[in-house]
Amino acid sequence: MAPREASGSAGEEQRERLLRVLSAATFLIFFQAYMVAPLIPRLATVFAVSGQTIGLIVPAYMIPYGVSTLFYGLLSDRLGRRRIMLASLLAFVVLTALTATAQSAAQMILWRLATGLGASGVVPLALALIGALFPYEQRGRPLGWLFGAMAGGMAFGSTVGALMEPLIGWRAIFLGVSLLGAGVLGLLVPYQRLLGEAPPATSGTLRDLFAAYGSLLGPGRGRRTYAYVLLNAVFHSTGCRVFCLARLSGDWQTGGGEGGWCPQASASLHSRQAY
């Protein structure tokens, strides 16, 4: 049954519950992506490496995440949105838990890379699902839920990562996020029907996929829009991380005391000083 076939009050209620579950999954994925920056000083100490070395856990996750999202749509068209979304969320749960077992900086970087590849199918497919479940004129609110979950995950992840590490340790943080992800996965299973069945076999190729992306970038407006999105993502994802890491490692000694005005750095330092 196609997702859009759910109708009536019962169907609308299921659709709204699914939206909340998808928002929770989106929140967790962005939470764990942004909780690692405040952990960098602690991880550098634990693994006896420089902050610059362990700092590679950030691009090791972000770059594969960004690249692999381009291919999850193709996989979804071939194998079905339900299979890919559930598999991606399961990969997020398993790989986030395995990150807690890392015994070296190299293992930590490897697990973060694998997590970026595995977890990147949930959010883009959730956005696509909104288009299948909600008529065009009703999509603003559900899209607001998902984008709000992204922003909330970023904000709470960076803060909670700094505050909770001295209390429970970095391994417990990853395990806790994995357990919460498992709970969200369990909540998502009852709504499999709304996620969509496997589509009929298609004859599309990778060349067709890149041709479609090329058509999006063909008009000048498309190029400007995606250039803005790319630059915004680059600066937003790396700017505060670079600043915080430099302040925490003592490379910048300009005013404001240790940790400066960076909230992540200050929270991490104050938490460690208290313990």
C-alpha atoms as a PDB file:
ATOM      1  CA  MET A   1       0.000   0.000   0.000  1.00  0.00           C
ATOM      2  CA  ALA A   2       1.359   3.446  -0.875  1.00  0.00           C
ATOM      3  CA  PRO A   3       1.965   5.829   2.042  1.00  0.00           C
ATOM      4  CA  ARG A   4      -0.549   8.339   0.747  1.00  0.00           C
ATOM      5  CA  GLU A   5      -3.375   5.805   0.965  1.00  0.00           C
ATOM      6  CA  ALA A   6      -3.636   6.287   4.724  1.00  0.00           C
ATOM      7  CA  SER A   7      -6.756   8.414   5.101  1.00  0.00           C
ATOM      8  CA  GLY A   8      -9.446   9.359   7.586  1.00  0.00           C
ATOM      9  CA  SER A   9      -8.972  10.290  11.232  1.00  0.00           C
ATOM     10  CA  ALA A  10      -7.179   7.043  12.061  1.00  0.00           C
ATOM     11  CA  GLY A  11      -4.790   7.504   9.146  1.00  0.00           C
ATOM     12  CA  GLU A  12      -4.101  11.115  10.099  1.00  0.00           C
ATOM     13  CA  GLU A  13      -3.393  10.107  13.692  1.00  0.00           C
ATOM     14  CA  GLN A  14      -0.909   7.473  12.523  1.00  0.00           C
ATOM     15  CA  ARG A  15       0.698  10.018  10.238  1.00  0.00           C
ATOM     16  CA  GLU A  16       1.132  12.474  13.100  1.00  0.00           C
ATOM     17  CA  ARG A  17       2.631   9.815  15.369  1.00  0.00           C
ATOM     18  CA  LEU A  18       5.036   8.797  12.638  1.00  0.00           C
ATOM     19  CA  LEU A  19       6.052  12.432  12.233  1.00  0.00           C
ATOM     20  CA  ARG A  20       6.974  12.595  15.928  1.00  0.00           C
ATOM     21  CA  VAL A  21       8.997   9.388  15.694  1.00  0.00           C
ATOM     22  CA  LEU A  22      10.844  10.664  12.619  1.00  0.00           C
ATOM     23  CA  SER A  23      11.522  13.938  14.437  1.00  0.00           C
ATOM     24  CA  ALA A  24      12.950  12.007  17.386  1.00  0.00           C
ATOM     25  CA  ALA A  25      15.222  10.028  15.034  1.00  0.00           C
ATOM     26  CA  THR A  26      16.359  13.243  13.346  1.00  0.00           C
ATOM     27  CA  PHE A  27      17.058  14.848  16.720  1.00  0.00           C
ATOM     28  CA  LEU A  28      19.206  11.911  17.858  1.00  0.00           C
ATOM     29  CA  ILE A  29      21.231  11.767  14.655  1.00  0.00           C
ATOM     30  CA  PHE A  30      22.093  15.460  14.831  1.00  0.00           C
ATOM     31  CA  PHE A  31      22.595  15.218  18.598  1.00  0.00           C
ATOM     32  CA  GLN A  32      25.311  12.579  18.256  1.00  0.00           C
ATOM     33  CA  ALA A  33      26.899  14.438  15.338  1.00  0.00           C
ATOM     34  CA  TYR A  34      27.356  17.594  17.403  1.00  0.00           C
ATOM     35  CA  MET A  35      28.115  16.081  20.814  1.00  0.00           C
ATOM     36  CA  VAL A  36      31.614  15.012  19.799  1.00  0.00           C
ATOM     37  CA  ALA A  37      33.257  18.453  19.534  1.00  0.00           C
ATOM     38  CA  PRO A  38      33.255  19.132  23.308  1.00  0.00           C
ATOM     39  CA  LEU A  39      34.618  15.609  23.843  1.00  0.00           C
ATOM     40  CA  ILE A  40      37.742  16.218  21.769  1.00  0.00           C
ATOM     41  CA  PRO A  41      39.979  17.450  24.655  1.00  0.00           C
ATOM     42  CA  ARG A  42      38.990  14.504  26.822  1.00  0.00           C
ATOM     43  CA  LEU A  43      39.453  12.001  23.985  1.00  0.00           C
ATOM     44  CA  ALA A  44      42.874  13.479  23.207  1.00  0.00           C
ATOM     45  CA  THR A  45      43.883  12.750  26.807  1.00  0.00           C
ATOM     46  CA  VAL A  46      42.345   9.268  26.873  1.00  0.00           C
ATOM     47  CA  PHE A  47      44.031   8.157  23.648  1.00  0.00           C
ATOM     48  CA  ALA A  48      47.251  10.129  24.267  1.00  0.00           C
ATOM     49  CA  VAL A  49      47.120  11.944  20.933  1.00  0.00           C
ATOM     50  CA  SER A  50      47.006  15.574  19.914  1.00  0.00           C
ATOM     51  CA  GLY A  51      43.764  17.482  19.656  1.00  0.00           C
ATOM     52  CA  GLN A  52      44.385  17.876  15.943  1.00  0.00           C
ATOM     53  CA  THR A  53      44.589  14.111  15.501  1.00  0.00           C
ATOM     54  CA  ILE A  54      41.482  13.165  17.449  1.00  0.00           C
ATOM     55  CA  GLY A  55      39.733  16.148  15.870  1.00  0.00           C
ATOM     56  CA  LEU A  56      39.596  14.082  12.686  1.00  0.00           C
ATOM     57  CA  ILE A  57      36.547  12.333  14.167  1.00  0.00           C
ATOM     58  CA  VAL A  58      34.532  15.352  13.030  1.00  0.00           C
ATOM     59  CA  PRO A  59      35.279  15.267   9.272  1.00  0.00           C
ATOM     60  CA  ALA A  60      35.476  11.456   9.429  1.00  0.00           C
ATOM     61  CA  TYR A  61      31.749  11.552  10.205  1.00  0.00           C
ATOM     62  CA  MET A  62      30.595  14.642   8.355  1.00  0.00           C
ATOM     63  CA  ILE A  63      32.184  14.021   4.949  1.00  0.00           C
ATOM     64  CA  PRO A  64      30.907  10.431   4.484  1.00  0.00           C
ATOM     65  CA  TYR A  65      27.534  11.535   5.840  1.00  0.00           C
ATOM     66  CA  GLY A  66      27.244  14.297   3.260  1.00  0.00           C
ATOM     67  CA  VAL A  67      28.484  12.233   0.325  1.00  0.00           C
ATOM     68  CA  SER A  68      26.429   9.121   1.037  1.00  0.00           C
ATOM     69  CA  THR A  69      23.158  11.055   1.246  1.00  0.00           C
ATOM     70  CA  LEU A  70      23.439  11.452  -2.534  1.00  0.00           C
ATOM     71  CA  PHE A  71      23.050   7.712  -2.987  1.00  0.00           C
ATOM     72  CA  TYR A  72      20.372   6.806  -0.466  1.00  0.00           C
ATOM     73  CA  GLY A  73      17.687   8.124  -2.792  1.00  0.00           C
ATOM     74  CA  LEU A  74      18.845   5.719  -5.500  1.00  0.00           C
ATOM     75  CA  LEU A  75      18.913   2.828  -3.018  1.00  0.00           C
ATOM     76  CA  SER A  76      15.446   3.791  -1.839  1.00  0.00           C
ATOM     77  CA  ASP A  77      14.138   3.739  -5.405  1.00  0.00           C
ATOM     78  CA  ARG A  78      15.655   0.302  -5.946  1.00  0.00           C
ATOM     79  CA  LEU A  79      15.006  -1.405  -2.593  1.00  0.00           C
ATOM     80  CA  GLY A  80      12.198   0.623  -1.022  1.00  0.00           C
ATOM     81  CA  ARG A  81      12.168   3.488   1.439  1.00  0.00           C
ATOM     82  CA  ARG A  82      11.120   1.285   4.354  1.00  0.00           C
ATOM     83  CA  ARG A  83      14.042  -1.109   4.041  1.00  0.00           C
ATOM     84  CA  ILE A  84      16.647   1.594   3.639  1.00  0.00           C
ATOM     85  CA  MET A  85      15.330   3.824   6.425  1.00  0.00           C
ATOM     86  CA  LEU A  86      15.098   0.986   8.943  1.00  0.00           C
ATOM     87  CA  ALA A  87      18.511  -0.355   7.918  1.00  0.00           C
ATOM     88  CA  SER A  88      20.074   3.101   8.218  1.00  0.00           C
ATOM     89  CA  LEU A  89      18.591   3.677  11.659  1.00  0.00           C
ATOM     90  CA  LEU A  90      19.746   0.219  12.755  1.00  0.00           C
ATOM     91  CA  ALA A  91      23.244   1.032  11.505  1.00  0.00           C
ATOM     92  CA  PHE A  92      23.146   4.239  13.552  1.00  0.00           C
ATOM     93  CA  VAL A  93      22.223   2.283  16.690  1.00  0.00           C
ATOM     94  CA  VAL A  94      24.853  -0.430  16.238  1.00  0.00           C
ATOM     95  CA  LEU A  95      27.723   1.784  15.106  1.00  0.00           C
ATOM     96  CA  THR A  96      27.126   4.407  17.794  1.00  0.00           C
ATOM     97  CA  ALA A  97      27.349   1.633  20.402  1.00  0.00           C
ATOM     98  CA  LEU A  98      30.505   0.251  18.801  1.00  0.00           C
ATOM     99  CA  THR A  99      32.078   3.715  18.972  1.00  0.00           C
ATOM    100  CA  ALA A 100      32.010   3.359  22.745  1.00  0.00           C
ATOM    101  CA  THR A 101      34.325   0.336  22.446  1.00  0.00           C
ATOM    102  CA  ALA A 102      37.120   2.266  20.695  1.00  0.00           C
ATOM    103  CA  GLN A 103      40.524   1.610  22.243  1.00  0.00           C
ATOM    104  CA  SER A 104      42.544   4.023  20.113  1.00  0.00           C
ATOM    105  CA  ALA A 105      42.161   7.206  18.129  1.00  0.00           C
ATOM    106  CA  ALA A 106      42.354   5.207  14.895  1.00  0.00           C
ATOM    107  CA  GLN A 107      39.464   2.974  15.984  1.00  0.00           C
ATOM    108  CA  MET A 108      37.447   6.006  17.051  1.00  0.00           C
ATOM    109  CA  ILE A 109      37.954   7.656  13.663  1.00  0.00           C
ATOM    110  CA  LEU A 110      37.048   4.431  11.866  1.00  0.00           C
ATOM    111  CA  TRP A 111      33.814   3.984  13.826  1.00  0.00           C
ATOM    112  CA  ARG A 112      32.839   7.605  13.198  1.00  0.00           C
ATOM    113  CA  LEU A 113      33.457   7.154   9.475  1.00  0.00           C
ATOM    114  CA  ALA A 114      31.296   4.023   9.412  1.00  0.00           C
ATOM    115  CA  THR A 115      28.568   5.774  11.405  1.00  0.00           C
ATOM    116  CA  GLY A 116      28.520   8.653   8.925  1.00  0.00           C
ATOM    117  CA  LEU A 117      28.037   6.218   6.068  1.00  0.00           C
ATOM    118  CA  GLY A 118      25.396   4.142   7.819  1.00  0.00           C
ATOM    119  CA  ALA A 119      23.274   6.796   9.526  1.00  0.00           C
ATOM    120  CA  SER A 120      22.945   9.248   6.659  1.00  0.00           C
ATOM    121  CA  GLY A 121      19.885   7.633   5.101  1.00  0.00           C
ATOM    122  CA  VAL A 122      17.376   8.457   7.830  1.00  0.00           C
ATOM    123  CA  VAL A 123      16.986  12.228   7.549  1.00  0.00           C
ATOM    124  CA  PRO A 124      16.889  12.635   3.731  1.00  0.00           C
ATOM    125  CA  LEU A 125      14.414   9.761   3.416  1.00  0.00           C
ATOM    126  CA  ALA A 126      12.317  11.235   6.233  1.00  0.00           C
ATOM    127  CA  LEU A 127      12.145  14.490   4.274  1.00  0.00           C
ATOM    128  CA  ALA A 128      11.137  12.575   1.152  1.00  0.00           C
ATOM    129  CA  LEU A 129       8.510  10.717   3.157  1.00  0.00           C
ATOM    130  CA  ILE A 130       6.924  14.016   4.175  1.00  0.00           C
ATOM    131  CA  GLY A 131       6.244  14.643   0.492  1.00  0.00           C
ATOM    132  CA  ALA A 132       4.538  11.261   0.193  1.00  0.00           C
ATOM    133  CA  LEU A 133       2.413  11.561   3.329  1.00  0.00           C
ATOM    134  CA  PHE A 134       1.361  15.217   3.290  1.00  0.00           C
ATOM    135  CA  PRO A 135      -0.249  17.238   0.494  1.00  0.00           C
ATOM    136  CA  TYR A 136       1.805  20.150  -0.774  1.00  0.00           C
ATOM    137  CA  GLU A 137      -0.211  22.774   1.080  1.00  0.00           C
ATOM    138  CA  GLN A 138       0.233  20.915   4.400  1.00  0.00           C
ATOM    139  CA  ARG A 139       3.966  20.221   4.281  1.00  0.00           C
ATOM    140  CA  GLY A 140       5.178  23.358   6.042  1.00  0.00           C
ATOM    141  CA  ARG A 141       4.352  22.159   9.552  1.00  0.00           C
ATOM    142  CA  PRO A 142       5.852  18.634   9.287  1.00  0.00           C
ATOM    143  CA  LEU A 143       8.957  20.032   7.612  1.00  0.00           C
ATOM    144  CA  GLY A 144       9.177  22.490  10.491  1.00  0.00           C
ATOM    145  CA  TRP A 145       9.144  19.549  12.904  1.00  0.00           C
ATOM    146  CA  LEU A 146      12.079  17.895  11.139  1.00  0.00           C
ATOM    147  CA  PHE A 147      14.150  21.031  10.741  1.00  0.00           C
ATOM    148  CA  GLY A 148      13.394  21.977  14.319  1.00  0.00           C
ATOM    149  CA  ALA A 149      14.630  18.548  15.387  1.00  0.00           C
ATOM    150  CA  MET A 150      17.842  19.154  13.444  1.00  0.00           C
ATOM    151  CA  ALA A 151      18.432  22.499  15.150  1.00  0.00           C
ATOM    152  CA  GLY A 152      17.534  21.085  18.557  1.00  0.00           C
ATOM    153  CA  GLY A 153      19.902  18.163  18.074  1.00  0.00           C
ATOM    154  CA  MET A 154      22.745  20.509  17.218  1.00  0.00           C
ATOM    155  CA  ALA A 155      22.107  22.774  20.201  1.00  0.00           C
ATOM    156  CA  PHE A 156      21.541  20.083  22.817  1.00  0.00           C
ATOM    157  CA  GLY A 157      24.244  17.767  21.468  1.00  0.00           C
ATOM    158  CA  SER A 158      27.047  20.281  21.811  1.00  0.00           C
ATOM    159  CA  THR A 159      25.872  21.315  25.271  1.00  0.00           C
ATOM    160  CA  VAL A 160      25.058  17.923  26.744  1.00  0.00           C
ATOM    161  CA  GLY A 161      28.279  16.438  25.401  1.00  0.00           C
ATOM    162  CA  ALA A 162      30.270  18.944  27.442  1.00  0.00           C
ATOM    163  CA  LEU A 163      28.173  18.698  30.602  1.00  0.00           C
ATOM    164  CA  MET A 164      27.658  14.942  30.784  1.00  0.00           C
ATOM    165  CA  GLU A 165      31.165  13.696  30.053  1.00  0.00           C
ATOM    166  CA  PRO A 166      32.534  14.482  33.531  1.00  0.00           C
ATOM    167  CA  LEU A 167      29.506  12.797  35.119  1.00  0.00           C
ATOM    168  CA  ILE A 168      29.201   9.537  33.192  1.00  0.00           C
ATOM    169  CA  GLY A 169      32.151   9.432  30.792  1.00  0.00           C
ATOM    170  CA  TRP A 170      32.287   9.614  27.016  1.00  0.00           C
ATOM    171  CA  ARG A 171      31.644   5.900  26.509  1.00  0.00           C
ATOM    172  CA  ALA A 172      28.389   6.069  28.433  1.00  0.00           C
ATOM    173  CA  ILE A 173      27.276   9.037  26.323  1.00  0.00           C
ATOM    174  CA  PHE A 174      27.635   7.030  23.121  1.00  0.00           C
ATOM    175  CA  LEU A 175      25.948   4.008  24.680  1.00  0.00           C
ATOM    176  CA  GLY A 176      23.091   6.170  25.939  1.00  0.00           C
ATOM    177  CA  VAL A 177      22.509   7.662  22.497  1.00  0.00           C
ATOM    178  CA  SER A 178      22.583   4.160  21.018  1.00  0.00           C
ATOM    179  CA  LEU A 179      19.961   2.941  23.495  1.00  0.00           C
ATOM    180  CA  LEU A 180      17.733   5.912  22.739  1.00  0.00           C
ATOM    181  CA  GLY A 181      18.166   5.194  19.033  1.00  0.00           C
ATOM    182  CA  ALA A 182      17.119   1.584  19.622  1.00  0.00           C
ATOM    183  CA  GLY A 183      14.001   2.872  21.355  1.00  0.00           C
ATOM    184  CA  VAL A 184      13.168   5.122  18.399  1.00  0.00           C
ATOM    185  CA  LEU A 185      13.740   2.195  16.025  1.00  0.00           C
ATOM    186  CA  GLY A 186      11.284   0.140  18.058  1.00  0.00           C
ATOM    187  CA  LEU A 187       8.737   2.943  17.845  1.00  0.00           C
ATOM    188  CA  LEU A 188       9.213   3.181  14.084  1.00  0.00           C
ATOM    189  CA  VAL A 189       8.589  -0.506  13.347  1.00  0.00           C
ATOM    190  CA  PRO A 190       4.771  -0.358  13.834  1.00  0.00           C
ATOM    191  CA  TYR A 191       4.572   2.295  11.102  1.00  0.00           C
ATOM    192  CA  GLN A 192       6.324   0.232   8.434  1.00  0.00           C
ATOM    193  CA  ARG A 193       3.283   0.374   6.173  1.00  0.00           C
ATOM    194  CA  LEU A 194       3.449   4.150   6.038  1.00  0.00           C
ATOM    195  CA  LEU A 195       7.112   4.032   5.094  1.00  0.00           C
ATOM    196  CA  GLY A 196       6.206   2.467   1.754  1.00  0.00           C
ATOM    197  CA  GLU A 197       6.642  -0.870   0.054  1.00  0.00           C
ATOM    198  CA  ALA A 198       9.494  -1.846  -2.233  1.00  0.00           C
ATOM    199  CA  PRO A 199       8.960  -0.245  -5.665  1.00  0.00           C
ATOM    200  CA  PRO A 200       8.998  -2.213  -8.913  1.00  0.00           C
ATOM    201  CA  ALA A 201      12.401  -2.778 -10.420  1.00  0.00           C
ATOM    202  CA  THR A 202      13.763   0.219 -12.292  1.00  0.00           C
ATOM    203  CA  SER A 203      16.373   0.480 -14.989  1.00  0.00           C
ATOM    204  CA  GLY A 204      18.042   3.604 -13.606  1.00  0.00           C
ATOM    205  CA  THR A 205      21.831   3.724 -13.423  1.00  0.00           C
ATOM    206  CA  LEU A 206      24.404   5.835 -11.620  1.00  0.00           C
ATOM    207  CA  ARG A 207      24.705   7.866 -14.808  1.00  0.00           C
ATOM    208  CA  ASP A 208      20.984   8.638 -14.609  1.00  0.00           C
ATOM    209  CA  LEU A 209      21.415   9.645 -10.984  1.00  0.00           C
ATOM    210  CA  PHE A 210      24.199  12.116 -11.709  1.00  0.00           C
ATOM    211  CA  ALA A 211      22.326  13.404 -14.740  1.00  0.00           C
ATOM    212  CA  ALA A 212      19.408  14.229 -12.447  1.00  0.00           C
ATOM    213  CA  TYR A 213      21.708  16.067 -10.037  1.00  0.00           C
ATOM    214  CA  GLY A 214      23.208  17.879 -13.014  1.00  0.00           C
ATOM    215  CA  SER A 215      19.782  19.094 -14.059  1.00  0.00           C
ATOM    216  CA  LEU A 216      19.302  20.581 -10.595  1.00  0.00           C
ATOM    217  CA  LEU A 217      22.576  22.489 -10.878  1.00  0.00           C
ATOM    218  CA  GLY A 218      22.016  23.528 -14.482  1.00  0.00           C
ATOM    219  CA  PRO A 219      20.111  26.798 -13.887  1.00  0.00           C
ATOM    220  CA  GLY A 220      22.042  29.654 -12.295  1.00  0.00           C
ATOM    221  CA  ARG A 221      19.491  29.840  -9.513  1.00  0.00           C
ATOM    222  CA  GLY A 222      20.094  26.196  -8.663  1.00  0.00           C
ATOM    223  CA  ARG A 223      23.861  26.669  -8.531  1.00  0.00           C
ATOM    224  CA  ARG A 224      23.561  29.724  -6.304  1.00  0.00           C
ATOM    225  CA  THR A 225      21.138  27.983  -3.956  1.00  0.00           C
ATOM    226  CA  TYR A 226      23.238  24.860  -3.523  1.00  0.00           C
ATOM    227  CA  ALA A 227      26.442  26.896  -3.221  1.00  0.00           C
ATOM    228  CA  TYR A 228      24.847  28.838  -0.374  1.00  0.00           C
ATOM    229  CA  VAL A 229      23.690  25.626   1.313  1.00  0.00           C
ATOM    230  CA  LEU A 230      27.158  24.091   0.969  1.00  0.00           C
ATOM    231  CA  LEU A 231      28.987  27.122   2.345  1.00  0.00           C
ATOM    232  CA  ASN A 232      26.503  27.482   5.176  1.00  0.00           C
ATOM    233  CA  ALA A 233      26.980  23.833   6.130  1.00  0.00           C
ATOM    234  CA  VAL A 234      30.789  24.092   5.967  1.00  0.00           C
ATOM    235  CA  PHE A 235      31.020  27.180   8.158  1.00  0.00           C
ATOM    236  CA  HIS A 236      28.275  26.083  10.515  1.00  0.00           C
ATOM    237  CA  SER A 237      29.748  22.624  11.045  1.00  0.00           C
ATOM    238  CA  THR A 238      33.406  23.558  11.376  1.00  0.00           C
ATOM    239  CA  GLY A 239      33.600  27.147  12.598  1.00  0.00           C
ATOM    240  CA  CYS A 240      32.767  26.691  16.256  1.00  0.00           C
ATOM    241  CA  ARG A 241      34.565  23.330  16.394  1.00  0.00           C
ATOM    242  CA  VAL A 242      37.837  24.840  15.161  1.00  0.00           C
ATOM    243  CA  PHE A 243      37.532  27.795  17.510  1.00  0.00           C
ATOM    244  CA  CYS A 244      36.679  25.644  20.531  1.00  0.00           C
ATOM    245  CA  LEU A 245      39.466  23.158  19.861  1.00  0.00           C
ATOM    246  CA  ALA A 246      42.021  25.928  19.472  1.00  0.00           C
ATOM    247  CA  ARG A 247      40.900  27.588  22.705  1.00  0.00           C
ATOM    248  CA  LEU A 248      40.842  24.324  24.640  1.00  0.00           C
ATOM    249  CA  SER A 249      44.295  23.340  23.404  1.00  0.00           C
ATOM    250  CA  GLY A 250      45.684  26.717  24.438  1.00  0.00           C
ATOM    251  CA  ASP A 251      46.649  27.781  20.917  1.00  0.00           C
ATOM    252  CA  TRP A 252      44.736  31.058  21.201  1.00  0.00           C
ATOM    253  CA  GLN A 253      45.446  33.128  24.264  1.00  0.00           C
ATOM    254  CA  THR A 254      43.391  36.200  23.518  1.00  0.00           C
ATOM    255  CA  GLY A 255      41.175  37.721  26.238  1.00  0.00           C
ATOM    256  CA  GLY A 256      38.182  36.263  27.966  1.00  0.00           C
ATOM    257  CA  GLY A 257      40.142  33.791  30.079  1.00  0.00           C
ATOM    258  CA  GLU A 258      40.538  30.105  29.452  1.00  0.00           C
ATOM    259  CA  GLY A 259      37.870  28.926  27.091  1.00  0.00           C
ATOM    260  CA  GLY A 260      37.065  32.463  25.889  1.00  0.00           C
ATOM    261  CA  TRP A 261      33.481  33.152  24.964  1.00  0.00           C
ATOM    262  CA  CYS A 262      32.895  29.833  23.176  1.00  0.00           C
ATOM    263  CA  PRO A 263      30.022  28.125  25.044  1.00  0.00           C
ATOM    264  CA  GLN A 264      31.178  24.607  24.218  1.00  0.00           C
ATOM    265  CA  ALA A 265      34.719  25.281  25.377  1.00  0.00           C
ATOM    266  CA  SER A 266      33.624  27.050  28.533  1.00  0.00           C
ATOM    267  CA  ALA A 267      31.126  24.372  29.484  1.00  0.00           C
ATOM    268  CA  SER A 268      33.684  21.626  28.947  1.00  0.00           C
ATOM    269  CA  LEU A 269      36.365  23.397  30.937  1.00  0.00           C
ATOM    270  CA  HIS A 270      34.085  24.302  33.819  1.00  0.00           C
ATOM    271  CA  SER A 271      32.757  20.776  34.016  1.00  0.00           C
ATOM    272  CA  ARG A 272      36.241  19.307  34.144  1.00  0.00           C
ATOM    273  CA  GLN A 273      37.388  21.813  36.752  1.00  0.00           C
ATOM    274  CA  ALA A 274      34.452  20.871  38.955  1.00  0.00           C
ATOM    275  CA  TYR A 275      35.557  17.261  38.962  1.00  0.00           C
END
